[in-house]
Amino acid sequence: MRPALVWLVSLLALLAGCVSNPPRATLADGRPVDTRYTAVGQDSRVQFLILHATEENLADSLRILTQQDVSAHYLLTDDNPPVAYRLVDENRRAWHAGASQWGAATQLNASSIGIEIVHPASQCLPDGSVLQAPYPPQQIEALVQLVKAIVARHQIRPERILGHSDIAPQRKTDPGPAFPWRRLADEGLIPWPDAQRVAALLPGYQQDLPDVAWFQAGLARWGYAVPATGTLDDATRAVVAAFQMKYRPARHDGQPDAETAALLQALLQAPRMPIPAAAGAPR
Protein backbone atom coordinates (compact mmCIF):
# COMPACT_ATOMS: atom_id res chain seq x y z
CA MET A 1 0.00 0.00 0.00
CA ARG A 2 1.40 3.44 -0.93
CA PRO A 3 2.44 5.74 1.98
CA ALA A 4 -0.13 8.38 1.02
CA LEU A 5 -2.89 5.79 1.05
CA VAL A 6 -1.71 4.43 4.39
CA TRP A 7 -1.80 7.97 5.79
CA LEU A 8 -5.32 8.56 4.46
CA VAL A 9 -6.67 5.28 5.82
CA SER A 10 -5.08 5.94 9.21
CA LEU A 11 -6.42 9.49 9.39
CA LEU A 12 -9.95 8.46 8.40
CA ALA A 13 -9.91 5.72 11.03
CA LEU A 14 -8.87 8.23 13.66
CA LEU A 15 -11.50 10.74 12.65
CA ALA A 16 -14.23 8.13 12.57
CA GLY A 17 -13.53 6.98 16.09
CA CYS A 18 -12.43 10.14 17.84
CA VAL A 19 -15.66 10.77 19.77
CA SER A 20 -16.23 8.11 22.38
CA ASN A 21 -19.67 6.84 23.25
CA PRO A 22 -20.85 8.36 26.55
CA PRO A 23 -21.48 5.92 29.43
CA ARG A 24 -25.04 4.82 30.02
CA ALA A 25 -26.78 7.32 32.31
CA THR A 26 -27.65 5.89 35.70
CA LEU A 27 -28.64 7.11 39.15
CA ALA A 28 -26.28 6.72 42.10
CA ASP A 29 -27.93 3.42 43.02
CA GLY A 30 -27.42 2.06 39.50
CA ARG A 31 -30.99 2.47 38.22
CA PRO A 32 -31.04 3.66 34.55
CA VAL A 33 -32.07 7.18 33.58
CA ASP A 34 -34.90 7.26 31.05
CA THR A 35 -33.47 8.72 27.82
CA ARG A 36 -36.45 8.21 25.50
CA TYR A 37 -37.01 11.97 25.04
CA THR A 38 -34.56 14.30 23.30
CA ALA A 39 -34.77 18.10 23.41
CA VAL A 40 -34.64 20.06 20.15
CA GLY A 41 -32.97 23.06 21.82
CA GLN A 42 -29.38 21.87 22.03
CA ASP A 43 -26.03 22.00 20.30
CA SER A 44 -22.44 20.99 20.91
CA ARG A 45 -20.56 22.28 23.92
CA VAL A 46 -17.67 22.88 21.49
CA GLN A 47 -17.95 26.42 20.12
CA PHE A 48 -14.37 27.14 19.06
CA LEU A 49 -11.47 25.42 17.31
CA ILE A 50 -8.04 26.76 18.25
CA LEU A 51 -4.87 26.08 16.24
CA HIS A 52 -1.43 26.13 17.84
CA ALA A 53 2.20 25.54 16.86
CA THR A 54 4.30 23.58 19.34
CA GLU A 55 7.61 25.36 18.60
CA GLU A 56 9.23 22.06 19.62
CA ASN A 57 10.24 18.86 17.86
CA LEU A 58 7.91 15.87 17.92
CA ALA A 59 9.52 14.08 20.86
CA ASP A 60 9.46 17.18 23.05
CA SER A 61 5.95 18.08 21.90
CA LEU A 62 4.63 14.66 22.93
CA ARG A 63 6.44 14.80 26.25
CA ILE A 64 5.15 18.28 27.11
CA LEU A 65 1.58 17.64 25.97
CA THR A 66 1.23 14.29 27.73
CA GLN A 67 3.34 14.69 30.88
CA GLN A 68 2.93 18.34 31.90
CA ASP A 69 0.00 20.54 32.91
CA VAL A 70 -0.69 21.53 29.31
CA SER A 71 -2.50 19.48 26.69
CA ALA A 72 -4.44 19.55 23.44
CA HIS A 73 -7.06 17.33 21.91
CA TYR A 74 -4.87 16.57 18.89
CA LEU A 75 -1.20 16.70 17.98
CA LEU A 76 -0.38 16.75 14.27
CA THR A 77 3.15 15.69 13.43
CA ASP A 78 5.50 16.98 10.73
CA ASP A 79 6.26 13.47 9.47
CA ASN A 80 5.73 12.54 5.83
CA PRO A 81 3.05 11.31 5.90
CA PRO A 82 1.90 13.16 9.05
CA VAL A 83 0.28 11.42 12.01
CA ALA A 84 -2.63 12.86 14.00
CA TYR A 85 -2.50 11.82 17.66
CA ARG A 86 -5.59 12.20 19.82
CA LEU A 87 -4.39 13.13 23.29
CA VAL A 88 -7.68 14.24 24.88
CA ASP A 89 -11.19 13.04 24.05
CA GLU A 90 -13.30 15.74 22.38
CA ASN A 91 -15.87 15.37 25.17
CA ARG A 92 -13.28 16.46 27.74
CA ARG A 93 -11.52 19.77 28.35
CA ALA A 94 -7.90 20.09 27.24
CA TRP A 95 -5.60 22.71 28.76
CA HIS A 96 -4.42 24.54 25.65
CA ALA A 97 -5.95 28.03 25.53
CA GLY A 98 -5.15 29.43 28.96
CA ALA A 99 -6.21 33.02 29.66
CA SER A 100 -8.09 33.74 26.45
CA GLN A 101 -10.97 35.69 24.92
CA TRP A 102 -12.89 36.01 21.68
CA GLY A 103 -15.83 38.36 21.67
CA ALA A 104 -17.72 37.91 24.93
CA ALA A 105 -16.37 34.39 25.49
CA THR A 106 -13.48 33.98 27.91
CA GLN A 107 -11.41 31.09 29.28
CA LEU A 108 -11.91 29.13 26.07
CA ASN A 109 -10.57 25.79 27.31
CA ALA A 110 -14.11 24.90 28.39
CA SER A 111 -15.68 25.57 24.99
CA SER A 112 -13.00 24.68 22.46
CA ILE A 113 -11.04 21.92 20.77
CA GLY A 114 -7.30 22.51 20.48
CA ILE A 115 -4.98 21.24 17.76
CA GLU A 116 -1.22 21.47 18.29
CA ILE A 117 0.85 21.37 15.10
CA VAL A 118 4.46 20.26 15.35
CA HIS A 119 6.44 23.21 13.98
CA PRO A 120 9.83 24.62 14.96
CA ALA A 121 10.29 27.94 16.72
CA SER A 122 11.28 30.97 14.67
CA GLN A 123 14.97 31.81 14.37
CA CYS A 124 16.60 35.23 14.76
CA LEU A 125 19.16 35.79 11.99
CA PRO A 126 22.37 37.85 12.36
CA ASP A 127 20.84 40.75 10.39
CA GLY A 128 18.02 41.01 12.95
CA SER A 129 15.35 39.45 10.74
CA VAL A 130 13.23 36.53 11.89
CA LEU A 131 12.97 33.31 9.93
CA GLN A 132 10.06 30.91 10.36
CA ALA A 133 10.08 27.63 8.51
CA PRO A 134 7.15 26.94 6.17
CA TYR A 135 4.55 24.37 7.12
CA PRO A 136 4.94 21.23 4.97
CA PRO A 137 2.14 20.87 2.38
CA GLN A 138 1.32 17.33 3.52
CA GLN A 139 0.95 18.54 7.10
CA ILE A 140 -1.48 21.28 6.06
CA GLU A 141 -3.45 18.80 3.95
CA ALA A 142 -3.82 16.52 6.97
CA LEU A 143 -4.80 19.52 9.11
CA VAL A 144 -7.50 20.54 6.63
CA GLN A 145 -9.02 17.06 6.77
CA LEU A 146 -8.89 17.03 10.58
CA VAL A 147 -10.46 20.49 10.84
CA LYS A 148 -13.24 19.55 8.41
CA ALA A 149 -14.11 16.47 10.45
CA ILE A 150 -14.20 18.39 13.74
CA VAL A 151 -16.25 21.23 12.26
CA ALA A 152 -18.76 18.76 10.81
CA ARG A 153 -19.21 17.07 14.18
CA HIS A 154 -19.70 20.25 16.18
CA GLN A 155 -20.96 22.77 13.58
CA ILE A 156 -18.31 25.30 14.61
CA ARG A 157 -18.88 28.73 13.08
CA PRO A 158 -16.21 29.73 10.52
CA GLU A 159 -15.33 32.90 12.46
CA ARG A 160 -14.60 30.73 15.51
CA ILE A 161 -11.74 28.78 13.92
CA LEU A 162 -8.87 30.76 15.40
CA GLY A 163 -5.20 30.82 16.21
CA HIS A 164 -3.70 31.02 19.67
CA SER A 165 -2.52 34.50 18.69
CA ASP A 166 -6.12 35.56 18.04
CA ILE A 167 -7.43 34.60 21.47
CA ALA A 168 -4.33 35.60 23.49
CA PRO A 169 -2.55 38.31 21.44
CA GLN A 170 -0.75 39.80 24.44
CA ARG A 171 1.24 36.63 25.10
CA LYS A 172 1.06 34.29 22.10
CA THR A 173 2.07 34.49 18.42
CA ASP A 174 1.43 30.92 17.24
CA PRO A 175 0.71 29.42 14.79
CA GLY A 176 2.72 32.35 13.38
CA PRO A 177 3.10 34.27 10.11
CA ALA A 178 4.13 31.18 8.13
CA PHE A 179 0.83 29.44 8.82
CA PRO A 180 -1.27 29.38 5.60
CA TRP A 181 -4.61 30.68 6.85
CA ARG A 182 -5.55 31.43 3.25
CA ARG A 183 -5.58 27.69 2.56
CA LEU A 184 -8.29 27.21 5.19
CA ALA A 185 -10.21 30.09 3.63
CA ASP A 186 -9.94 28.49 0.18
CA GLU A 187 -11.49 25.35 1.68
CA GLY A 188 -14.44 27.41 2.94
CA LEU A 189 -13.48 26.90 6.58
CA ILE A 190 -12.81 30.51 7.67
CA PRO A 191 -13.82 34.00 6.48
CA TRP A 192 -11.38 35.95 4.31
CA PRO A 193 -11.30 39.57 3.11
CA ASP A 194 -12.60 39.86 -0.45
CA ALA A 195 -9.70 41.11 -2.60
CA GLN A 196 -11.88 43.33 -4.80
CA ARG A 197 -13.51 44.91 -1.77
CA VAL A 198 -10.09 45.53 -0.19
CA ALA A 199 -8.85 47.15 -3.41
CA ALA A 200 -11.92 49.40 -3.55
CA LEU A 201 -11.52 50.50 0.07
CA LEU A 202 -7.76 51.04 0.00
CA PRO A 203 -7.55 54.43 -1.80
CA GLY A 204 -9.95 56.04 0.65
CA TYR A 205 -7.95 54.86 3.64
CA GLN A 206 -4.72 55.98 1.96
CA GLN A 207 -6.21 59.47 1.68
CA ASP A 208 -7.67 59.52 5.18
CA LEU A 209 -6.36 56.93 7.65
CA PRO A 210 -8.80 56.24 10.53
CA ASP A 211 -7.65 57.04 14.02
CA VAL A 212 -6.60 54.45 16.58
CA ALA A 213 -10.04 54.40 18.18
CA TRP A 214 -11.52 53.27 14.83
CA PHE A 215 -9.08 50.35 14.65
CA GLN A 216 -9.77 49.39 18.25
CA ALA A 217 -13.54 49.43 17.70
CA GLY A 218 -13.31 47.40 14.49
CA LEU A 219 -10.97 44.80 15.92
CA ALA A 220 -13.28 44.44 18.94
CA ARG A 221 -16.26 43.96 16.62
CA TRP A 222 -14.39 41.19 14.84
CA GLY A 223 -13.70 39.46 18.17
CA TYR A 224 -10.32 40.55 19.48
CA ALA A 225 -9.88 41.60 23.09
CA VAL A 226 -8.47 45.09 22.52
CA PRO A 227 -8.42 48.12 24.84
CA ALA A 228 -10.62 51.10 23.95
CA THR A 229 -8.07 53.73 24.92
CA GLY A 230 -7.89 55.69 21.68
CA THR A 231 -4.10 55.51 21.89
CA LEU A 232 -1.63 53.20 20.18
CA ASP A 233 -0.45 51.49 23.35
CA ASP A 234 1.49 48.24 23.51
CA ALA A 235 -1.67 46.15 24.00
CA THR A 236 -3.26 47.64 20.88
CA ARG A 237 -0.09 47.08 18.84
CA ALA A 238 -0.13 43.42 19.87
CA VAL A 239 -3.72 42.99 18.64
CA VAL A 240 -3.04 44.83 15.36
CA ALA A 241 0.02 42.63 14.83
CA ALA A 242 -2.04 39.47 15.47
CA PHE A 243 -4.61 40.59 12.90
CA GLN A 244 -1.91 41.45 10.35
CA MET A 245 -0.08 38.17 10.95
CA LYS A 246 -3.23 36.30 9.94
CA TYR A 247 -4.47 38.38 7.00
CA ARG A 248 -1.26 40.12 5.84
CA PRO A 249 1.66 38.04 7.10
CA ALA A 250 4.24 39.78 4.91
CA ARG A 251 4.23 42.74 7.32
CA HIS A 252 2.92 42.42 10.86
CA ASP A 253 4.57 45.29 12.70
CA GLY A 254 1.48 46.27 14.71
CA GLN A 255 1.29 49.66 13.00
CA PRO A 256 -2.24 50.60 11.86
CA ASP A 257 -2.10 51.49 8.17
CA ALA A 258 -4.38 51.84 5.15
CA GLU A 259 -4.12 48.21 4.02
CA THR A 260 -4.89 46.94 7.51
CA ALA A 261 -7.92 49.23 7.64
CA ALA A 262 -9.15 47.97 4.26
CA LEU A 263 -8.71 44.32 5.27
CA LEU A 264 -10.57 44.88 8.54
CA GLN A 265 -13.44 46.77 6.95
CA ALA A 266 -13.81 44.16 4.19
CA LEU A 267 -14.15 41.45 6.83
CA LEU A 268 -16.67 43.45 8.86
CA GLN A 269 -18.81 44.16 5.78
CA ALA A 270 -18.78 40.61 4.40
CA PRO A 271 -21.89 38.45 4.77
CA ARG A 272 -21.60 35.90 7.54
CA MET A 273 -20.53 32.49 6.29
CA PRO A 274 -23.00 29.66 6.87
CA ILE A 275 -22.40 27.18 9.66
CA PRO A 276 -21.21 23.88 8.15
CA ALA A 277 -23.67 20.98 8.14
CA ALA A 278 -26.91 21.02 10.16
CA ALA A 279 -26.48 23.44 13.03
CA GLY A 280 -29.73 23.14 14.96
CA ALA A 281 -30.84 26.14 17.00
CA PRO A 282 -29.13 29.52 16.45
CA ARG A 283 -26.25 30.40 18.78
Foldseek 3Di string as FASTA:
>chain_A
DDLVVVQVVQLVVCLVPQADDDDFDADPVRHGDDDPDDDLPDADLAAAEEEFEPQDAPVVSVCCQQPHQFHFQWEWHLDVQIDIDGRDRPVDFGHHQPFWWWQPDTPCSRHHGYYYYHAHDWDQDPVRDIHGDARDPNSVVSVLVNLVSVLQRGLHFQLRHYYSCQTCLVPDQPPWLNDPLVVCVVVVRHDFQDPVQLVVQLVVCQVPPDFLLVVQVLSSVSTGDADNPSDLDPRQLSNQLSQCSNHPVVDRRSDDGSSSVSRSVSRVPDDGRGRPDDGRDDD
